[in-house]
């Protein structure tokens, strides 16, 4: 058995990008930042690291809610699944996980 579930709680790094598929379905793209804080044991210095995530909302109703309520700096909670897409540029394979 395996489970593909991810839970993120973070801040939007930019206003969501709203677009429509060729079939007319509304889709929201969100850049989400999650941060981790700790104290360096050797120096006592406060440390932070930030990870950036690409979140794609394919559900029409949720994409509309994102469009109306989510802005740059908004703190949001996302539950979903990971998907990795392969694409090519100049003959080179590239991968994007969303």
N, C-alpha and C. Protein backbone atom coordinates (compact mmCIF):
# COMPACT_ATOMS: atom_id res chain seq x y z
N UNK A 1 0.85 -1.18 0.00
CA UNK A 1 0.00 0.00 0.00
C UNK A 1 0.89 1.24 0.00
N UNK A 2 0.48 2.27 -0.71
CA UNK A 2 1.19 3.54 -0.70
C UNK A 2 0.19 4.68 -0.71
N UNK A 3 0.63 5.83 -0.23
CA UNK A 3 -0.24 6.99 -0.12
C UNK A 3 0.50 8.20 -0.68
N UNK A 4 -0.14 8.95 -1.56
CA UNK A 4 0.44 10.17 -2.11
C UNK A 4 -0.37 11.34 -1.56
N UNK A 5 0.02 11.82 -0.39
CA UNK A 5 -0.66 12.94 0.26
C UNK A 5 0.38 13.92 0.78
N UNK A 6 0.12 15.19 0.57
CA UNK A 6 0.99 16.24 1.08
C UNK A 6 0.13 17.27 1.80
N UNK A 7 0.66 17.80 2.91
CA UNK A 7 -0.02 18.85 3.66
C UNK A 7 0.98 19.99 3.83
N UNK A 8 0.58 21.18 3.39
CA UNK A 8 1.45 22.36 3.48
C UNK A 8 0.71 23.48 4.19
N UNK A 9 1.42 24.20 5.03
CA UNK A 9 0.91 25.40 5.67
C UNK A 9 1.97 26.47 5.47
N UNK A 10 1.64 27.51 4.73
CA UNK A 10 2.64 28.51 4.42
C UNK A 10 2.02 29.80 3.94
N UNK A 11 2.87 30.64 3.36
CA UNK A 11 2.45 31.96 2.89
C UNK A 11 2.59 32.05 1.37
N UNK A 12 1.62 32.71 0.74
CA UNK A 12 1.67 32.92 -0.71
C UNK A 12 2.75 33.94 -1.02
N UNK A 13 3.60 33.59 -1.97
CA UNK A 13 4.70 34.48 -2.34
C UNK A 13 4.31 35.50 -3.40
N UNK A 14 3.15 35.31 -4.03
CA UNK A 14 2.65 36.22 -5.06
C UNK A 14 1.14 36.03 -5.17
N UNK A 15 0.47 36.97 -5.79
CA UNK A 15 -0.96 36.77 -6.04
C UNK A 15 -1.12 35.53 -6.91
N UNK A 16 -2.16 34.73 -6.67
CA UNK A 16 -2.38 33.53 -7.49
C UNK A 16 -2.58 33.89 -8.96
N UNK A 17 -2.14 33.00 -9.82
CA UNK A 17 -2.36 33.15 -11.26
C UNK A 17 -3.59 32.31 -11.60
N UNK A 18 -4.58 32.95 -12.19
CA UNK A 18 -5.82 32.26 -12.55
C UNK A 18 -5.85 32.14 -14.07
N UNK A 19 -6.14 30.93 -14.55
CA UNK A 19 -6.25 30.71 -16.00
C UNK A 19 -7.36 29.71 -16.25
N UNK A 20 -7.62 29.46 -17.51
CA UNK A 20 -8.63 28.48 -17.89
C UNK A 20 -7.99 27.44 -18.81
N UNK A 21 -8.43 26.20 -18.67
CA UNK A 21 -7.98 25.13 -19.56
C UNK A 21 -8.66 25.31 -20.91
N UNK A 22 -8.24 24.53 -21.89
CA UNK A 22 -8.88 24.59 -23.21
C UNK A 22 -10.36 24.24 -23.12
N UNK A 23 -10.72 23.43 -22.13
CA UNK A 23 -12.13 23.06 -21.93
C UNK A 23 -12.90 24.12 -21.16
N UNK A 24 -12.22 25.20 -20.74
CA UNK A 24 -12.88 26.28 -20.03
C UNK A 24 -12.88 26.18 -18.52
N UNK A 25 -12.23 25.15 -17.96
CA UNK A 25 -12.19 24.97 -16.51
C UNK A 25 -11.20 25.95 -15.89
N UNK A 26 -11.61 26.60 -14.80
CA UNK A 26 -10.75 27.54 -14.09
C UNK A 26 -9.70 26.78 -13.29
N UNK A 27 -8.44 27.25 -13.35
CA UNK A 27 -7.32 26.64 -12.63
C UNK A 27 -6.55 27.76 -11.93
N UNK A 28 -6.14 27.52 -10.69
CA UNK A 28 -5.35 28.50 -9.93
C UNK A 28 -3.95 27.94 -9.69
N UNK A 29 -2.93 28.79 -9.92
CA UNK A 29 -1.54 28.44 -9.63
C UNK A 29 -1.06 29.32 -8.49
N UNK A 30 -0.49 28.69 -7.48
CA UNK A 30 -0.05 29.41 -6.28
C UNK A 30 1.42 29.09 -6.02
N UNK A 31 2.20 30.12 -5.68
CA UNK A 31 3.57 29.94 -5.20
C UNK A 31 3.51 30.02 -3.68
N UNK A 32 3.81 28.91 -3.02
CA UNK A 32 3.66 28.81 -1.56
C UNK A 32 5.02 28.63 -0.90
N UNK A 33 5.30 29.44 0.10
CA UNK A 33 6.55 29.35 0.85
C UNK A 33 6.29 28.72 2.21
N UNK A 34 7.09 27.70 2.55
CA UNK A 34 7.06 27.13 3.89
C UNK A 34 8.43 27.36 4.51
N UNK A 35 8.45 27.72 5.77
CA UNK A 35 9.71 28.04 6.45
C UNK A 35 9.91 27.17 7.68
N UNK A 36 11.17 26.92 7.97
CA UNK A 36 11.56 26.16 9.16
C UNK A 36 12.54 27.03 9.94
N UNK A 37 12.37 27.08 11.25
CA UNK A 37 13.21 27.91 12.11
C UNK A 37 13.88 27.03 13.16
N UNK A 38 15.12 27.35 13.48
CA UNK A 38 15.84 26.62 14.52
C UNK A 38 16.98 27.48 15.04
N UNK A 39 17.55 27.03 16.14
CA UNK A 39 18.70 27.72 16.74
C UNK A 39 19.93 26.86 16.52
N UNK A 40 20.96 27.47 15.93
CA UNK A 40 22.22 26.77 15.70
C UNK A 40 22.85 26.45 17.05
N UNK A 41 23.06 25.16 17.32
CA UNK A 41 23.58 24.75 18.64
C UNK A 41 25.00 25.22 18.88
N UNK A 42 25.79 25.35 17.83
CA UNK A 42 27.19 25.77 17.99
C UNK A 42 27.31 27.26 18.28
N UNK A 43 26.49 28.08 17.60
CA UNK A 43 26.64 29.54 17.73
C UNK A 43 25.50 30.20 18.49
N UNK A 44 24.38 29.49 18.67
CA UNK A 44 23.22 30.08 19.32
C UNK A 44 22.44 31.01 18.39
N UNK A 45 22.90 31.10 17.14
CA UNK A 45 22.27 32.00 16.17
C UNK A 45 20.92 31.42 15.70
N UNK A 46 19.92 32.30 15.54
CA UNK A 46 18.62 31.89 15.00
C UNK A 46 18.79 31.66 13.50
N UNK A 47 18.26 30.54 13.00
CA UNK A 47 18.40 30.18 11.59
C UNK A 47 17.02 29.95 10.98
N UNK A 48 16.96 30.09 9.67
CA UNK A 48 15.71 29.88 8.94
C UNK A 48 16.04 29.35 7.56
N UNK A 49 15.19 28.46 7.07
CA UNK A 49 15.28 28.01 5.69
C UNK A 49 13.87 28.02 5.11
N UNK A 50 13.75 28.41 3.84
CA UNK A 50 12.45 28.50 3.18
C UNK A 50 12.45 27.61 1.95
N UNK A 51 11.37 26.85 1.80
CA UNK A 51 11.16 26.02 0.61
C UNK A 51 9.99 26.62 -0.17
N UNK A 52 10.10 26.61 -1.50
CA UNK A 52 9.05 27.11 -2.36
C UNK A 52 8.34 25.95 -3.04
N UNK A 53 7.02 26.01 -3.08
CA UNK A 53 6.20 24.95 -3.65
C UNK A 53 5.29 25.53 -4.73
N UNK A 54 5.10 24.77 -5.80
CA UNK A 54 4.14 25.13 -6.84
C UNK A 54 2.86 24.35 -6.56
N UNK A 55 1.79 25.08 -6.31
CA UNK A 55 0.50 24.46 -6.01
C UNK A 55 -0.45 24.77 -7.16
N UNK A 56 -1.08 23.73 -7.71
CA UNK A 56 -2.05 23.89 -8.79
C UNK A 56 -3.40 23.40 -8.30
N UNK A 57 -4.41 24.27 -8.40
CA UNK A 57 -5.77 23.94 -7.96
C UNK A 57 -6.62 23.71 -9.20
N UNK A 58 -7.00 22.45 -9.45
CA UNK A 58 -7.79 22.09 -10.62
C UNK A 58 -9.29 22.10 -10.35
N UNK A 59 -9.69 22.08 -9.10
CA UNK A 59 -11.11 22.07 -8.76
C UNK A 59 -11.70 23.46 -9.03
N UNK A 60 -12.73 23.53 -9.87
CA UNK A 60 -13.33 24.81 -10.27
C UNK A 60 -13.78 25.65 -9.07
N UNK A 61 -14.49 25.03 -8.14
CA UNK A 61 -14.98 25.76 -6.96
C UNK A 61 -13.82 26.28 -6.11
N UNK A 62 -12.83 25.43 -5.87
CA UNK A 62 -11.68 25.87 -5.06
C UNK A 62 -10.87 26.94 -5.78
N UNK A 63 -10.73 26.83 -7.11
CA UNK A 63 -10.01 27.86 -7.86
C UNK A 63 -10.72 29.21 -7.75
N UNK A 64 -12.04 29.20 -7.75
CA UNK A 64 -12.80 30.44 -7.57
C UNK A 64 -12.58 31.02 -6.19
N UNK A 65 -12.55 30.16 -5.16
CA UNK A 65 -12.28 30.64 -3.79
C UNK A 65 -10.88 31.24 -3.70
N UNK A 66 -9.91 30.59 -4.33
CA UNK A 66 -8.54 31.11 -4.34
C UNK A 66 -8.53 32.48 -5.00
N UNK A 67 -9.19 32.61 -6.13
CA UNK A 67 -9.23 33.88 -6.86
C UNK A 67 -9.82 35.00 -6.00
N UNK A 68 -10.85 34.70 -5.23
CA UNK A 68 -11.54 35.72 -4.43
C UNK A 68 -10.83 36.06 -3.13
N UNK A 69 -10.19 35.06 -2.49
CA UNK A 69 -9.73 35.26 -1.12
C UNK A 69 -8.22 35.20 -0.89
N UNK A 70 -7.46 34.65 -1.81
CA UNK A 70 -6.02 34.47 -1.58
C UNK A 70 -5.24 35.56 -2.31
N UNK A 71 -4.34 36.20 -1.60
CA UNK A 71 -3.48 37.26 -2.15
C UNK A 71 -2.05 37.02 -1.67
N UNK A 72 -1.12 37.76 -2.24
CA UNK A 72 0.27 37.68 -1.79
C UNK A 72 0.32 37.90 -0.29
N UNK A 73 1.03 37.02 0.44
CA UNK A 73 1.16 37.14 1.89
C UNK A 73 0.12 36.35 2.66
N UNK A 74 -0.94 35.88 1.99
CA UNK A 74 -1.97 35.09 2.68
C UNK A 74 -1.38 33.80 3.23
N UNK A 75 -1.78 33.45 4.43
CA UNK A 75 -1.38 32.17 5.01
C UNK A 75 -2.46 31.16 4.64
N UNK A 76 -2.05 30.05 3.99
CA UNK A 76 -3.02 29.06 3.56
C UNK A 76 -2.56 27.66 3.94
N UNK A 77 -3.56 26.79 4.07
CA UNK A 77 -3.35 25.37 4.37
C UNK A 77 -3.77 24.60 3.13
N UNK A 78 -2.89 23.75 2.60
CA UNK A 78 -3.16 22.98 1.39
C UNK A 78 -2.99 21.50 1.69
N UNK A 79 -3.98 20.71 1.29
CA UNK A 79 -3.88 19.25 1.35
C UNK A 79 -4.12 18.74 -0.05
N UNK A 80 -3.22 17.90 -0.55
CA UNK A 80 -3.37 17.39 -1.91
C UNK A 80 -2.41 16.26 -2.17
N UNK A 81 -2.05 16.10 -3.46
CA UNK A 81 -1.11 15.05 -3.83
C UNK A 81 -0.03 15.63 -4.72
N UNK A 82 1.12 14.97 -4.75
CA UNK A 82 2.23 15.40 -5.59
C UNK A 82 2.13 14.76 -6.97
N UNK A 83 2.50 15.54 -7.99
CA UNK A 83 2.56 15.02 -9.35
C UNK A 83 3.81 15.61 -10.00
N UNK A 84 4.61 14.77 -10.64
CA UNK A 84 5.82 15.23 -11.32
C UNK A 84 5.58 15.16 -12.82
N UNK A 85 5.87 16.28 -13.49
CA UNK A 85 5.69 16.36 -14.93
C UNK A 85 7.05 16.48 -15.61
N UNK A 86 7.19 15.80 -16.74
CA UNK A 86 8.41 15.86 -17.53
C UNK A 86 8.16 16.77 -18.73
N UNK A 87 9.14 17.65 -19.04
CA UNK A 87 9.04 18.51 -20.21
C UNK A 87 10.42 18.71 -20.78
N UNK A 88 10.49 19.16 -22.03
CA UNK A 88 11.77 19.34 -22.68
C UNK A 88 11.97 20.78 -23.11
N UNK A 89 13.22 21.22 -23.01
CA UNK A 89 13.62 22.53 -23.49
C UNK A 89 14.99 22.37 -24.10
N UNK A 90 15.13 22.79 -25.33
CA UNK A 90 16.40 22.67 -26.06
C UNK A 90 16.93 21.24 -26.04
N UNK A 91 16.03 20.27 -26.15
CA UNK A 91 16.43 18.86 -26.19
C UNK A 91 16.78 18.26 -24.85
N UNK A 92 16.71 19.04 -23.76
CA UNK A 92 17.04 18.56 -22.42
C UNK A 92 15.75 18.23 -21.67
N UNK A 93 15.76 17.11 -20.95
CA UNK A 93 14.62 16.75 -20.11
C UNK A 93 14.64 17.57 -18.83
N UNK A 94 13.48 18.07 -18.44
CA UNK A 94 13.31 18.80 -17.18
C UNK A 94 12.11 18.21 -16.46
N UNK A 95 12.10 18.34 -15.15
CA UNK A 95 11.02 17.79 -14.33
C UNK A 95 10.51 18.87 -13.38
N UNK A 96 9.21 18.91 -13.19
CA UNK A 96 8.58 19.85 -12.27
C UNK A 96 7.63 19.06 -11.37
N UNK A 97 7.76 19.25 -10.06
CA UNK A 97 6.85 18.60 -9.13
C UNK A 97 5.88 19.65 -8.60
N UNK A 98 4.60 19.34 -8.73
CA UNK A 98 3.56 20.26 -8.27
C UNK A 98 2.65 19.53 -7.31
